[in-house]
């Protein structure tokens, strides 16, 4: 089965599952990809049939292969056990990648939103949202800022995802914001050690829409990793040239 055929079947299955009416499936591949991603983004956390999961998994794994997978062995360290890489974290093959999650831990429900939470949930597949929902039901309350949870990576090249909720900065940056951000890094690294993970890729937690100043966030990230990671291989993953330049100067 081709990717085009898989994509159409997935779209039709999701439209039927959620009883959508009057939705026209675009003829072009890019339009279909946007529609499929949007449907996956808004799907509630619920089980899916084995047939759907097999189709979804084949589609997502091939989509990631087409984008190109980057392994840790493809990168050169900037110093011992520390790496800097600019690219799509959903294509990075390490033991765990870090997701900048919200307090509900269920991913981004905004169709085709550009946040990392949306991307990770999209390319991991619907199993990830369901697993996060199960964790939150067991916990019984929202995830606290500075803590972390571990899930499988499902269709991602990374074996696991570390979900952490960073501080949201409204107004001046405070010492509490800084401590909460450092706690995100400590919590993720502690979970990685507990589960025998040897490589972790961190995104730029709390920058962007959470408004943490980029340079100070990078300083805290590097300081905390150096204090807590030991010989764990840590990749500082960035998307923007601005962040790449900041980390490059600091490292």
Protein backbone atom coordinates (compact mmCIF):
# COMPACT_ATOMS: atom_id res chain seq x y z
CA UNK A 1 0.00 0.00 0.00
CA UNK A 2 1.32 3.46 -0.88
CA UNK A 3 1.51 6.42 1.49
CA UNK A 4 -1.24 8.14 -0.50
CA UNK A 5 -3.53 5.15 -0.02
CA UNK A 6 -2.73 4.92 3.68
CA UNK A 7 -3.39 8.63 4.17
CA UNK A 8 -6.79 8.51 2.49
CA UNK A 9 -7.82 5.45 4.49
CA UNK A 10 -6.75 7.09 7.75
CA UNK A 11 -8.66 10.27 6.93
CA UNK A 12 -11.81 8.34 6.10
CA UNK A 13 -11.51 6.24 9.26
CA UNK A 14 -11.15 9.34 11.45
CA UNK A 15 -14.02 11.14 9.75
CA UNK A 16 -16.26 8.12 10.26
CA UNK A 17 -15.12 7.55 13.84
CA UNK A 18 -15.91 11.10 14.95
CA UNK A 19 -19.05 11.42 12.78
CA UNK A 20 -17.81 14.45 10.87
CA UNK A 21 -20.25 15.66 8.24
CA UNK A 22 -19.59 17.62 5.06
CA UNK A 23 -15.80 17.45 5.17
CA UNK A 24 -14.26 17.43 1.71
CA UNK A 25 -11.00 15.52 1.38
CA UNK A 26 -8.49 17.63 -0.59
CA UNK A 27 -7.16 16.24 -3.86
CA UNK A 28 -3.58 17.34 -3.25
CA UNK A 29 -1.16 15.54 -0.92
CA UNK A 30 -0.29 18.62 1.14
CA UNK A 31 -3.95 19.35 1.79
CA UNK A 32 -4.54 15.75 2.79
CA UNK A 33 -1.57 15.82 5.16
CA UNK A 34 -2.91 18.95 6.87
CA UNK A 35 -6.36 17.42 7.20
CA UNK A 36 -4.98 14.16 8.60
CA UNK A 37 -2.79 15.97 11.11
CA UNK A 38 -5.70 18.17 12.18
CA UNK A 39 -7.93 15.14 12.68
CA UNK A 40 -5.25 13.41 14.74
CA UNK A 41 -4.72 16.58 16.78
CA UNK A 42 -8.37 16.86 17.86
CA UNK A 43 -9.02 13.14 18.39
CA UNK A 44 -9.87 12.52 22.06
CA UNK A 45 -7.84 10.02 24.11
CA UNK A 46 -9.55 6.74 23.35
CA UNK A 47 -8.58 3.27 22.15
CA UNK A 48 -8.26 2.56 18.43
CA UNK A 49 -8.74 -0.70 16.58
CA UNK A 50 -5.78 -2.92 15.75
CA UNK A 51 -6.46 -2.32 12.06
CA UNK A 52 -6.36 1.47 12.50
CA UNK A 53 -3.16 1.31 14.56
CA UNK A 54 -1.43 -0.92 12.02
CA UNK A 55 -2.34 1.51 9.23
CA UNK A 56 -1.39 4.57 11.28
CA UNK A 57 1.91 3.08 12.41
CA UNK A 58 2.93 2.13 8.86
CA UNK A 59 2.05 5.63 7.65
CA UNK A 60 3.84 7.54 10.44
CA UNK A 61 6.97 5.41 10.34
CA UNK A 62 7.27 5.86 6.58
CA UNK A 63 6.61 9.60 6.91
CA UNK A 64 9.45 9.88 9.42
CA UNK A 65 11.74 7.80 7.22
CA UNK A 66 11.01 10.15 4.32
CA UNK A 67 11.88 13.19 6.48
CA UNK A 68 15.15 11.53 7.46
CA UNK A 69 16.19 10.13 10.84
CA UNK A 70 19.21 11.51 12.70
CA UNK A 71 20.92 9.20 15.17
CA UNK A 72 23.13 10.28 18.05
CA UNK A 73 26.04 8.61 16.24
CA UNK A 74 25.50 11.05 13.36
CA UNK A 75 26.27 14.02 15.63
CA UNK A 76 29.60 15.36 16.83
CA UNK A 77 29.83 16.35 20.50
CA UNK A 78 30.66 19.96 21.32
CA UNK A 79 32.28 18.59 24.47
CA UNK A 80 32.17 15.32 26.39
CA UNK A 81 28.63 13.87 26.33
CA UNK A 82 27.12 17.18 25.16
CA UNK A 83 25.68 17.83 21.71
CA UNK A 84 24.03 20.76 19.94
CA UNK A 85 21.67 20.00 17.06
CA UNK A 86 19.27 22.15 15.09
CA UNK A 87 16.44 20.18 13.58
CA UNK A 88 13.11 18.38 13.99
CA UNK A 89 13.16 16.56 17.33
CA UNK A 90 10.58 14.04 16.05
CA UNK A 91 13.27 12.68 13.70
CA UNK A 92 15.96 12.25 16.36
CA UNK A 93 16.92 8.71 17.34
CA UNK A 94 17.97 8.78 20.99
CA UNK A 95 16.77 6.99 24.10
CA UNK A 96 14.40 9.83 24.99
CA UNK A 97 13.30 13.21 23.70
CA UNK A 98 11.81 15.87 25.96
CA UNK A 99 8.38 17.32 25.24
CA UNK A 100 7.42 20.78 26.49
CA UNK A 101 3.97 19.72 27.66
CA UNK A 102 0.99 21.53 29.15
CA UNK A 103 -0.40 20.77 32.59
CA UNK A 104 -3.04 18.39 31.17
CA UNK A 105 -0.25 16.33 29.55
CA UNK A 106 -2.56 15.38 26.67
CA UNK A 107 -0.84 17.16 23.81
CA UNK A 108 -1.96 20.14 21.77
CA UNK A 109 -5.56 19.95 20.53
CA UNK A 110 -5.17 22.93 18.17
CA UNK A 111 -5.20 21.54 14.60
CA UNK A 112 -1.83 21.86 12.87
CA UNK A 113 -0.39 24.11 15.58
CA UNK A 114 3.35 24.66 15.31
CA UNK A 115 4.30 23.80 18.90
CA UNK A 116 6.58 20.90 19.76
CA UNK A 117 3.81 19.26 21.81
CA UNK A 118 1.66 19.08 18.68
CA UNK A 119 4.47 17.68 16.55
CA UNK A 120 5.47 14.98 19.05
CA UNK A 121 1.91 13.77 19.55
CA UNK A 122 1.23 13.84 15.81
CA UNK A 123 4.20 11.69 14.81
CA UNK A 124 4.07 9.40 17.84
CA UNK A 125 0.46 8.51 17.01
CA UNK A 126 -2.80 8.30 18.91
CA UNK A 127 -1.39 5.79 21.40
CA UNK A 128 0.61 8.58 23.05
CA UNK A 129 -2.41 10.71 23.98
CA UNK A 130 -4.20 7.66 25.36
CA UNK A 131 -1.18 6.71 27.49
CA UNK A 132 -0.89 10.27 28.80
CA UNK A 133 -4.60 10.24 29.62
CA UNK A 134 -4.15 7.00 31.59
CA UNK A 135 -1.28 8.54 33.54
CA UNK A 136 -3.32 11.62 34.36
CA UNK A 137 -6.35 9.56 35.40
CA UNK A 138 -4.16 7.57 37.76
CA UNK A 139 -2.57 10.76 39.11
CA UNK A 140 -5.89 12.53 39.61
CA UNK A 141 -4.66 16.08 39.16
CA UNK A 142 -2.88 18.33 36.69
CA UNK A 143 0.87 17.93 36.20
CA UNK A 144 2.84 20.35 38.32
CA UNK A 145 5.38 22.72 36.82
CA UNK A 146 8.91 21.35 36.99
CA UNK A 147 7.97 17.67 37.17
CA UNK A 148 8.17 15.01 34.45
CA UNK A 149 6.52 11.83 33.22
CA UNK A 150 7.88 9.08 30.97
CA UNK A 151 5.98 7.39 28.13
CA UNK A 152 6.96 5.20 25.19
CA UNK A 153 7.81 7.00 21.97
CA UNK A 154 5.54 4.73 19.90
CA UNK A 155 6.19 5.68 16.25
CA UNK A 156 8.95 8.17 16.98
CA UNK A 157 12.59 7.15 16.40
CA UNK A 158 13.17 7.91 20.11
CA UNK A 159 12.33 5.02 22.41
CA UNK A 160 10.72 7.24 25.02
CA UNK A 161 9.27 10.71 25.57
CA UNK A 162 9.88 12.71 28.74
CA UNK A 163 6.99 15.14 29.25
CA UNK A 164 7.68 18.17 31.41
CA UNK A 165 5.69 21.31 32.18
CA UNK A 166 7.80 24.44 32.12
CA UNK A 167 7.03 27.76 33.78
CA UNK A 168 4.97 30.38 31.96
CA UNK A 169 6.46 33.84 32.35
CA UNK A 170 3.97 36.69 32.61
CA UNK A 171 5.75 39.92 33.47
CA UNK A 172 9.29 40.03 34.89
CA UNK A 173 11.36 36.87 35.18
CA UNK A 174 11.60 35.73 38.80
CA UNK A 175 13.82 33.37 40.80
CA UNK A 176 10.82 31.05 41.09
CA UNK A 177 10.57 30.84 37.29
CA UNK A 178 14.27 30.01 37.10
CA UNK A 179 14.01 27.31 39.78
CA UNK A 180 10.98 25.77 38.08
CA UNK A 181 12.82 25.59 34.77
CA UNK A 182 15.87 24.02 36.40
CA UNK A 183 13.51 21.52 38.04
CA UNK A 184 12.25 20.48 34.59
CA UNK A 185 15.76 19.46 33.59
CA UNK A 186 16.49 17.75 36.91
CA UNK A 187 13.21 15.81 36.83
CA UNK A 188 13.79 14.59 33.27
CA UNK A 189 17.35 13.51 34.00
CA UNK A 190 16.29 11.73 37.19
CA UNK A 191 13.63 9.76 35.29
CA UNK A 192 16.17 8.95 32.60
CA UNK A 193 18.59 7.55 35.18
CA UNK A 194 15.85 5.55 36.92
CA UNK A 195 14.98 3.90 33.62
CA UNK A 196 18.52 3.26 32.42
CA UNK A 197 18.39 5.76 29.56
CA UNK A 198 21.76 6.83 28.23
CA UNK A 199 20.84 9.65 25.85
CA UNK A 200 18.31 12.49 26.20
CA UNK A 201 17.45 15.30 23.79
CA UNK A 202 16.10 18.48 25.38
CA UNK A 203 14.03 21.02 23.50
CA UNK A 204 14.11 24.70 24.53
CA UNK A 205 11.66 24.31 27.40
CA UNK A 206 9.43 27.32 28.20
CA UNK A 207 10.75 29.60 25.46
CA UNK A 208 8.44 30.67 22.65
CA UNK A 209 4.80 31.01 23.73
CA UNK A 210 5.75 30.41 27.40
CA UNK A 211 7.84 33.61 27.16
CA UNK A 212 10.92 32.52 29.13
CA UNK A 213 13.85 34.66 27.89
CA UNK A 214 15.84 32.52 25.45
CA UNK A 215 19.35 33.22 26.67
CA UNK A 216 18.57 32.79 30.36
CA UNK A 217 16.70 29.57 29.56
CA UNK A 218 19.77 28.24 27.75
CA UNK A 219 22.05 29.22 30.63
CA UNK A 220 19.83 27.36 33.11
CA UNK A 221 19.60 24.34 30.79
CA UNK A 222 23.36 24.02 30.44
CA UNK A 223 24.08 24.72 34.12
CA UNK A 224 21.54 22.14 35.29
CA UNK A 225 22.58 19.49 32.81
CA UNK A 226 26.25 19.94 33.73
CA UNK A 227 25.36 19.59 37.41
CA UNK A 228 23.03 16.59 37.07
CA UNK A 229 23.60 14.61 33.85
CA UNK A 230 27.04 13.13 34.50
CA UNK A 231 27.99 10.89 31.58
CA UNK A 232 24.47 10.80 30.12
CA UNK A 233 24.63 11.96 26.51
CA UNK A 234 22.56 15.14 26.27
CA UNK A 235 21.50 16.78 23.02
CA UNK A 236 20.42 20.40 23.20
CA UNK A 237 17.89 20.47 20.38
CA UNK A 238 16.98 23.83 18.88
CA UNK A 239 14.72 24.86 16.02
CA UNK A 240 15.42 28.57 15.61
CA UNK A 241 18.70 30.11 14.47
CA UNK A 242 18.50 32.48 17.44
CA UNK A 243 18.61 29.59 19.91
CA UNK A 244 21.33 27.82 17.94
CA UNK A 245 23.53 30.92 18.17
CA UNK A 246 22.86 31.26 21.91
CA UNK A 247 23.72 27.65 22.72
CA UNK A 248 26.75 27.70 20.45
CA UNK A 249 28.15 30.75 22.30
CA UNK A 250 27.46 29.23 25.72
CA UNK A 251 28.79 25.77 24.93
